[in-house]
Amino acid sequence: MSPDALYVTVRAACFLSLFQACGTSFFLAAWGAGLPRSAGHIARLGRRAAAVGAMLVLAQQLLEAARMAGDYAGLFDGGLQWLALASSGGAAHGLQAFGLLLVMSGLPLPTPLGTALARRRCALALAGSVLAILAFTLTGHTSVAPGRPVLAPLLAVHLGIVAFWFGALAPLYLVLAHESQAAANQALRRFSAIAVFLVPVLPLAGLALAWGLVPGFAVLRQPYGELLLAKLVGFALLMVLAAFNRWRLVPALARSGHGGVALRRTLVAEIALLAMVFAVTAVLTGYYAPDH
């Protein structure tokens, strides 16, 4: 495997871990106090995701030098490693690692979750999550685009919603597995009430980013455009699943208490689809630029 291929693989795995950690922080800050049985499980999930994410961020940074050299010998080249560290990518990786460390520090939550100490811990994890997401605006295509003043905030909003959505799926699965029917229904209703407004913003922000980055429709016949279309198809399928959950499975579970198994299956399907979208994004950002 070439350094480029390994970098893209690590990057895709890092997306999974980072967004899981950040989304878990958002989820616990919003609904953790009403989840006495599952909050501990969810916090452990977020803490482990943050730990794995921090290690993968470090691996990405080390692999930058190997990519520059075109060979793994670059890993041991101090000059190339310093050059990579001094780049915008080095700054982004440093901020992501710091943010994930804050998440790890905040998520060992005390019990009960409504205490002042728990709120301070949640605030620490939230701050780390925001920093880790904002780090993406320091490097990449939007950082050098002429429309950066607009594109960077759009990217932050886009990725924040991705973290909120993806990061809530596994916690919701744990809620269904551990909480009482009443607590699970309440958490699902509250999540759906916010998601129904936020999730549609995701493709709109993505399209606005694409509009600001691509030079024209001709790019759709190039690898960058083809991968971009693959992402859009993935998000379209995710919107269908999310709508099915929102309008069919969640109300059915609230009415009769049945449908929990089907809902858990669709949550797993959403996680798998988003993982594929992350893999496509890693290839897109690791190999191609909008004008190539």
Protein backbone atom coordinates (compact mmCIF):
# COMPACT_ATOMS: atom_id res chain seq x y z
CA MET A 1 0.00 0.00 0.00
CA SER A 2 1.36 3.41 -0.97
CA PRO A 3 1.67 6.25 1.56
CA ASP A 4 -1.18 8.05 -0.23
CA ALA A 5 -3.50 5.03 0.02
CA LEU A 6 -2.65 4.48 3.69
CA TYR A 7 -3.19 8.18 4.41
CA VAL A 8 -6.65 8.10 2.83
CA THR A 9 -7.55 4.95 4.78
CA VAL A 10 -6.43 6.52 8.07
CA ARG A 11 -8.26 9.74 7.16
CA ALA A 12 -11.54 7.90 6.60
CA ALA A 13 -11.18 6.11 9.95
CA CYS A 14 -10.33 9.44 11.59
CA PHE A 15 -13.53 10.99 10.24
CA LEU A 16 -15.53 8.17 11.84
CA SER A 17 -13.83 8.52 15.22
CA LEU A 18 -13.74 12.31 15.33
CA PHE A 19 -17.37 12.84 14.35
CA GLN A 20 -18.48 10.10 16.73
CA ALA A 21 -16.62 11.74 19.61
CA CYS A 22 -17.89 15.23 18.82
CA GLY A 23 -21.45 14.08 18.16
CA THR A 24 -21.50 12.13 21.40
CA SER A 25 -20.59 15.32 23.27
CA PHE A 26 -23.44 17.18 21.56
CA PHE A 27 -25.86 14.35 22.34
CA LEU A 28 -24.97 14.11 26.03
CA ALA A 29 -25.05 17.88 26.50
CA ALA A 30 -28.56 18.02 25.02
CA TRP A 31 -30.17 14.86 26.43
CA GLY A 32 -27.77 13.11 28.82
CA ALA A 33 -29.54 14.25 31.99
CA GLY A 34 -32.68 12.33 30.99
CA LEU A 35 -30.87 9.06 30.29
CA PRO A 36 -29.88 7.51 33.64
CA ARG A 37 -29.26 4.00 32.29
CA SER A 38 -27.47 4.71 29.03
CA ALA A 39 -25.53 7.95 29.66
CA GLY A 40 -22.54 6.06 31.07
CA HIS A 41 -22.42 3.74 28.05
CA ILE A 42 -22.69 6.71 25.69
CA ALA A 43 -19.93 8.63 27.49
CA ARG A 44 -17.61 5.60 27.25
CA LEU A 45 -18.34 5.37 23.53
CA GLY A 46 -17.45 9.03 23.04
CA ARG A 47 -14.31 8.79 25.18
CA ARG A 48 -13.03 5.78 23.25
CA ALA A 49 -13.84 7.41 19.93
CA ALA A 50 -11.91 10.51 21.00
CA ALA A 51 -8.90 8.42 22.03
CA VAL A 52 -8.87 6.52 18.73
CA GLY A 53 -9.44 9.75 16.82
CA ALA A 54 -6.49 11.47 18.51
CA MET A 55 -4.20 8.57 17.57
CA LEU A 56 -5.44 8.63 13.98
CA VAL A 57 -4.89 12.40 13.76
CA LEU A 58 -1.29 11.81 14.85
CA ALA A 59 -0.94 9.03 12.26
CA GLN A 60 -2.23 11.38 9.55
CA GLN A 61 0.31 14.01 10.53
CA LEU A 62 3.19 11.53 10.44
CA LEU A 63 2.08 10.23 7.05
CA GLU A 64 2.18 13.72 5.54
CA ALA A 65 5.98 13.47 5.35
CA ALA A 66 5.77 10.05 3.71
CA ARG A 67 3.39 11.50 1.11
CA MET A 68 5.83 14.32 0.39
CA ALA A 69 8.67 11.83 -0.11
CA GLY A 70 6.52 9.37 -2.05
CA ASP A 71 7.93 6.66 0.18
CA TYR A 72 7.69 5.50 3.79
CA ALA A 73 11.30 6.63 4.29
CA GLY A 74 9.80 10.10 4.68
CA LEU A 75 8.47 9.04 8.07
CA PHE A 76 12.06 9.21 9.38
CA ASP A 77 13.05 12.42 7.61
CA GLY A 78 13.17 15.14 10.27
CA GLY A 79 13.19 17.95 7.70
CA LEU A 80 10.06 16.70 5.96
CA GLN A 81 8.30 16.08 9.28
CA TRP A 82 9.07 19.64 10.37
CA LEU A 83 7.84 20.97 7.03
CA ALA A 84 4.58 19.01 7.43
CA LEU A 85 4.18 20.21 11.01
CA ALA A 86 4.66 23.85 10.00
CA SER A 87 1.99 23.63 7.28
CA SER A 88 -1.69 24.48 7.57
CA GLY A 89 -2.35 20.74 7.79
CA GLY A 90 -0.08 20.55 10.83
CA ALA A 91 -2.01 23.35 12.52
CA ALA A 92 -5.32 21.64 11.75
CA HIS A 93 -4.12 18.28 13.07
CA GLY A 94 -2.77 19.92 16.22
CA LEU A 95 -6.07 21.65 16.92
CA GLN A 96 -8.02 18.45 16.23
CA ALA A 97 -5.82 16.46 18.61
CA PHE A 98 -6.18 19.11 21.32
CA GLY A 99 -9.94 19.20 20.84
CA LEU A 100 -10.22 15.43 21.10
CA LEU A 101 -8.12 15.45 24.28
CA LEU A 102 -10.61 17.93 25.76
CA VAL A 103 -13.43 15.57 24.79
CA MET A 104 -11.62 12.71 26.52
CA SER A 105 -11.18 14.85 29.63
CA GLY A 106 -14.81 15.94 29.72
CA LEU A 107 -16.67 12.75 28.99
CA PRO A 108 -15.95 10.75 32.18
CA LEU A 109 -19.22 12.19 33.48
CA PRO A 110 -20.16 12.07 37.16
CA THR A 111 -23.52 10.82 38.40
CA PRO A 112 -26.07 12.37 38.59
CA LEU A 113 -25.68 14.17 35.30
CA GLY A 114 -27.62 17.25 36.37
CA THR A 115 -24.97 18.44 38.83
CA ALA A 116 -22.77 21.51 38.33
CA LEU A 117 -19.71 19.26 37.92
CA ALA A 118 -21.42 17.29 35.16
CA ARG A 119 -22.35 20.51 33.37
CA ARG A 120 -18.73 21.71 33.54
CA ARG A 121 -17.50 18.39 32.16
CA CYS A 122 -20.04 18.58 29.33
CA ALA A 123 -18.96 22.15 28.57
CA LEU A 124 -15.32 21.00 28.36
CA ALA A 125 -16.24 18.20 25.95
CA LEU A 126 -18.36 20.60 23.90
CA ALA A 127 -15.49 23.10 23.65
CA GLY A 128 -13.20 20.32 22.45
CA SER A 129 -15.74 19.22 19.88
CA VAL A 130 -16.14 22.73 18.48
CA LEU A 131 -12.35 23.14 18.21
CA ALA A 132 -11.96 19.78 16.46
CA ILE A 133 -14.60 20.72 13.90
CA LEU A 134 -13.30 24.26 13.34
CA ALA A 135 -9.85 22.78 12.67
CA PHE A 136 -11.11 21.53 9.29
CA THR A 137 -11.41 25.15 8.12
CA LEU A 138 -7.64 25.72 8.54
CA THR A 139 -6.67 23.49 5.64
CA GLY A 140 -8.08 21.87 2.53
CA HIS A 141 -9.85 23.29 -0.50
CA THR A 142 -11.85 25.96 1.31
CA SER A 143 -8.74 27.40 2.97
CA VAL A 144 -7.27 28.49 -0.38
CA ALA A 145 -10.46 29.26 -2.30
CA PRO A 146 -11.20 32.91 -3.20
CA GLY A 147 -14.52 32.70 -1.35
CA ARG A 148 -12.94 31.57 1.93
CA PRO A 149 -14.78 34.16 4.12
CA VAL A 150 -18.06 32.51 3.10
CA LEU A 151 -16.89 28.95 2.45
CA ALA A 152 -15.11 28.43 5.79
CA PRO A 153 -18.23 29.18 7.91
CA LEU A 154 -20.31 27.05 5.51
CA LEU A 155 -17.87 24.18 5.99
CA ALA A 156 -18.02 24.55 9.78
CA VAL A 157 -21.84 24.45 9.71
CA HIS A 158 -21.83 21.49 7.33
CA LEU A 159 -19.42 19.47 9.49
CA GLY A 160 -21.14 20.48 12.72
CA ILE A 161 -24.41 19.03 11.44
CA VAL A 162 -22.59 15.90 10.23
CA ALA A 163 -21.20 15.45 13.75
CA PHE A 164 -24.61 16.06 15.32
CA TRP A 165 -26.29 13.52 13.03
CA PHE A 166 -23.67 10.79 12.80
CA GLY A 167 -22.64 11.17 16.43
CA ALA A 168 -26.23 10.68 17.64
CA LEU A 169 -26.90 7.39 15.82
CA ALA A 170 -24.88 5.06 18.07
CA PRO A 171 -26.08 6.85 21.26
CA LEU A 172 -29.69 6.44 20.09
CA TYR A 173 -29.00 2.74 19.55
CA LEU A 174 -27.71 2.53 23.15
CA VAL A 175 -30.75 4.45 24.40
CA LEU A 176 -33.06 1.92 22.75
CA ALA A 177 -31.04 -0.94 24.23
CA HIS A 178 -30.79 0.31 27.83
CA GLU A 179 -33.46 2.89 28.66
CA SER A 180 -37.08 2.43 29.65
CA GLN A 181 -39.69 2.80 26.92
CA ALA A 182 -40.73 6.20 28.21
CA ALA A 183 -37.17 7.57 28.37
CA ALA A 184 -36.33 6.18 24.93
CA ASN A 185 -39.46 7.71 23.39
CA GLN A 186 -38.70 11.08 24.92
CA ALA A 187 -35.09 11.05 23.67
CA LEU A 188 -36.18 10.03 20.18
CA ARG A 189 -38.86 12.74 20.04
CA ARG A 190 -36.45 15.43 21.18
CA PHE A 191 -33.75 14.35 18.73
CA SER A 192 -36.24 14.17 15.86
CA ALA A 193 -37.62 17.62 16.68
CA ILE A 194 -34.15 19.14 16.15
CA ALA A 195 -32.99 16.83 13.35
CA VAL A 196 -36.02 17.61 11.19
CA PHE A 197 -34.72 21.20 10.89
CA LEU A 198 -30.95 20.60 10.91
CA VAL A 199 -30.58 17.58 8.62
CA PRO A 200 -32.09 19.26 5.51
CA VAL A 201 -29.52 22.04 5.94
CA LEU A 202 -26.74 19.48 5.43
CA PRO A 203 -27.16 18.91 1.66
CA LEU A 204 -27.91 22.61 1.14
CA ALA A 205 -24.63 23.59 2.81
CA GLY A 206 -22.84 20.87 0.84
CA LEU A 207 -24.26 22.14 -2.45
CA ALA A 208 -23.30 25.70 -1.56
CA LEU A 209 -19.75 24.55 -0.82
CA ALA A 210 -19.59 22.67 -4.11
CA TRP A 211 -20.90 25.73 -5.96
CA GLY A 212 -18.16 27.87 -4.41
CA LEU A 213 -15.37 25.37 -5.09
CA VAL A 214 -15.95 23.77 -8.50
CA PRO A 215 -15.06 25.83 -11.58
CA GLY A 216 -17.99 24.59 -13.66
CA PHE A 217 -20.18 21.65 -14.60
CA ALA A 218 -17.34 20.13 -16.64
CA VAL A 219 -15.80 18.97 -13.37
CA LEU A 220 -18.65 16.43 -13.04
CA ARG A 221 -16.94 14.40 -15.79
CA GLN A 222 -13.71 14.30 -13.78
CA PRO A 223 -12.87 12.13 -10.73
CA TYR A 224 -13.53 15.00 -8.30
CA GLY A 225 -17.01 15.58 -9.73
CA GLU A 226 -17.83 11.86 -9.87
CA LEU A 227 -16.91 11.44 -6.21
CA LEU A 228 -18.90 14.55 -5.35
CA LEU A 229 -21.94 13.05 -7.06
CA ALA A 230 -21.39 9.80 -5.14
CA LYS A 231 -21.50 11.82 -1.90
CA LEU A 232 -24.75 13.47 -2.96
CA VAL A 233 -26.31 10.07 -3.73
CA GLY A 234 -25.20 8.82 -0.31
CA PHE A 235 -26.78 11.82 1.41
CA ALA A 236 -29.98 11.36 -0.60
CA LEU A 237 -30.27 7.78 0.64
CA LEU A 238 -29.57 8.97 4.18
CA MET A 239 -32.35 11.54 3.92
CA VAL A 240 -34.75 8.78 2.88
CA LEU A 241 -33.79 6.64 5.87
CA ALA A 242 -33.98 9.61 8.23
CA ALA A 243 -37.46 10.50 6.93
CA PHE A 244 -38.60 6.89 7.33
CA ASN A 245 -37.39 6.91 10.94
CA ARG A 246 -38.95 10.30 11.68
CA TRP A 247 -42.39 9.70 10.19
CA ARG A 248 -42.90 5.94 10.53
CA LEU A 249 -40.73 4.12 13.04
CA VAL A 250 -40.48 6.71 15.84
CA PRO A 251 -44.27 7.35 15.95
CA ALA A 252 -44.95 3.58 15.80
CA LEU A 253 -42.62 2.99 18.73
CA ALA A 254 -44.30 5.77 20.73
CA ARG A 255 -47.82 4.45 19.99
CA SER A 256 -47.41 0.73 20.54
CA GLY A 257 -43.94 0.13 21.91
CA HIS A 258 -43.18 -1.98 18.84
CA GLY A 259 -40.65 -1.23 16.15
CA GLY A 260 -37.56 -0.88 18.32
CA VAL A 261 -35.75 -3.66 16.44
CA ALA A 262 -36.56 -2.10 13.06
CA LEU A 263 -35.43 1.31 14.32
CA ARG A 264 -32.11 -0.10 15.55
CA ARG A 265 -31.58 -1.70 12.14
CA THR A 266 -32.16 1.56 10.31
CA LEU A 267 -29.79 3.33 12.71
CA VAL A 268 -27.11 0.76 11.80
CA ALA A 269 -27.90 1.31 8.11
CA GLU A 270 -27.48 5.08 8.56
CA ILE A 271 -24.13 4.54 10.31
CA ALA A 272 -22.96 2.29 7.45
CA LEU A 273 -24.06 4.79 4.80
CA LEU A 274 -22.35 7.69 6.56
CA ALA A 275 -19.19 5.58 6.91
CA MET A 276 -19.22 5.10 3.13
CA VAL A 277 -19.72 8.84 2.64
CA PHE A 278 -16.72 9.47 4.91
CA ALA A 279 -14.64 7.02 2.85
CA VAL A 280 -15.61 8.84 -0.37
CA THR A 281 -14.77 12.18 1.28
CA ALA A 282 -11.36 10.90 2.35
CA VAL A 283 -10.57 9.86 -1.24
CA LEU A 284 -11.99 13.13 -2.58
CA THR A 285 -9.91 15.34 -0.28
CA GLY A 286 -6.85 13.10 -0.23
CA TYR A 287 -6.32 12.67 -3.96
CA TYR A 288 -8.18 15.37 -5.88
CA ALA A 289 -8.85 19.10 -6.08
CA PRO A 290 -11.93 20.84 -7.56
CA ASP A 291 -9.96 21.95 -10.62
CA HIS A 292 -8.41 18.54 -11.34
